[in-house]
Protein backbone atom coordinates (compact mmCIF):
# COMPACT_ATOMS: atom_id res chain seq x y z
CA UNK A 1 25.68 10.78 29.16
CA UNK A 2 24.54 7.05 27.95
CA UNK A 3 21.49 7.46 29.37
CA UNK A 4 20.56 10.45 27.36
CA UNK A 5 21.73 8.61 24.10
CA UNK A 6 19.31 5.66 25.07
CA UNK A 7 16.55 7.65 25.44
CA UNK A 8 17.19 9.45 22.18
CA UNK A 9 17.55 6.51 19.88
CA UNK A 10 14.40 5.10 21.66
CA UNK A 11 12.83 8.57 20.91
CA UNK A 12 13.88 8.81 17.21
CA UNK A 13 12.78 5.01 16.58
CA UNK A 14 9.18 6.06 17.82
CA UNK A 15 9.39 8.82 15.41
CA UNK A 16 10.10 6.93 12.80
CA UNK A 17 7.77 4.57 13.22
CA UNK A 18 4.94 7.19 13.65
CA UNK A 19 5.97 9.22 10.29
CA UNK A 20 6.12 6.00 8.50
CA UNK A 21 2.74 4.86 9.60
CA UNK A 22 1.47 8.59 8.89
CA UNK A 23 2.68 8.36 5.28
CA UNK A 24 1.17 4.81 4.43
CA UNK A 25 -1.91 5.65 5.70
CA UNK A 26 -1.93 8.53 3.71
CA UNK A 27 -0.97 6.49 1.03
CA UNK A 28 -3.56 4.05 1.37
CA UNK A 29 -6.31 6.67 2.58
CA UNK A 30 -5.48 8.94 -0.59
CA UNK A 31 -5.98 6.25 -3.39
CA UNK A 32 -8.94 4.27 -1.31
CA UNK A 33 -11.26 4.70 -4.13
CA UNK A 34 -8.78 3.13 -6.95
CA UNK A 35 -7.93 0.39 -3.91
CA UNK A 36 -11.61 -0.48 -3.62
CA UNK A 37 -12.12 -0.89 -7.11
CA UNK A 38 -9.16 -2.99 -8.19
CA UNK A 39 -10.02 -5.40 -4.99
CA UNK A 40 -13.62 -5.41 -6.11
CA UNK A 41 -12.07 -6.56 -9.89
CA UNK A 42 -10.01 -8.83 -8.39
CA UNK A 43 -12.61 -10.79 -6.34
CA UNK A 44 -15.08 -10.87 -9.20
CA UNK A 45 -12.85 -12.27 -11.46
CA UNK A 46 -11.21 -15.08 -8.86
CA UNK A 47 -15.08 -15.97 -7.97
CA UNK A 48 -16.14 -16.46 -11.34
CA UNK A 49 -13.08 -18.53 -12.27
CA UNK A 50 -13.91 -20.99 -9.40
CA UNK A 51 -17.47 -20.83 -10.00
CA UNK A 52 -16.59 -21.90 -13.22
CA UNK A 53 -14.39 -24.74 -12.31
CA UNK A 54 -16.35 -26.26 -9.61
CA UNK A 55 -14.23 -24.73 -7.08
CA UNK A 56 -16.40 -22.21 -5.34
CA UNK A 57 -17.65 -24.11 -2.50
CA UNK A 58 -14.48 -25.04 -1.39
CA UNK A 59 -12.83 -22.27 -1.67
CA UNK A 60 -15.01 -20.06 0.36
CA UNK A 61 -14.93 -23.10 2.80
CA UNK A 62 -11.19 -22.42 2.98
CA UNK A 63 -11.48 -18.93 3.31
CA UNK A 64 -14.16 -19.02 6.09
CA UNK A 65 -11.61 -21.28 7.58
CA UNK A 66 -8.79 -18.66 7.80
CA UNK A 67 -11.34 -16.17 8.29
CA UNK A 68 -12.48 -18.12 12.04
CA UNK A 69 -8.48 -18.95 12.94
CA UNK A 70 -7.63 -15.40 12.58
CA UNK A 71 -10.89 -14.16 14.27
CA UNK A 72 -9.88 -16.59 17.68
CA UNK A 73 -6.35 -15.37 17.40
CA UNK A 74 -7.84 -12.59 18.63
CA UNK A 75 -9.55 -13.52 22.13
């Protein structure tokens, strides 16, 4: 029954992928306040450091370029 084995293998891979996705989402959403706080702290520190070095505008322009590239790649 090679056809059954192939279908079972595909179902098992799909099941493992869904379980991994669900576990990852559970961990991320469970720690969302901490992730948001850490992200805010990192962005605030980076922004202050870039502003103190006079590099805020070039870095914001570079970030905007990457956002534009990713946004255009969706269409």
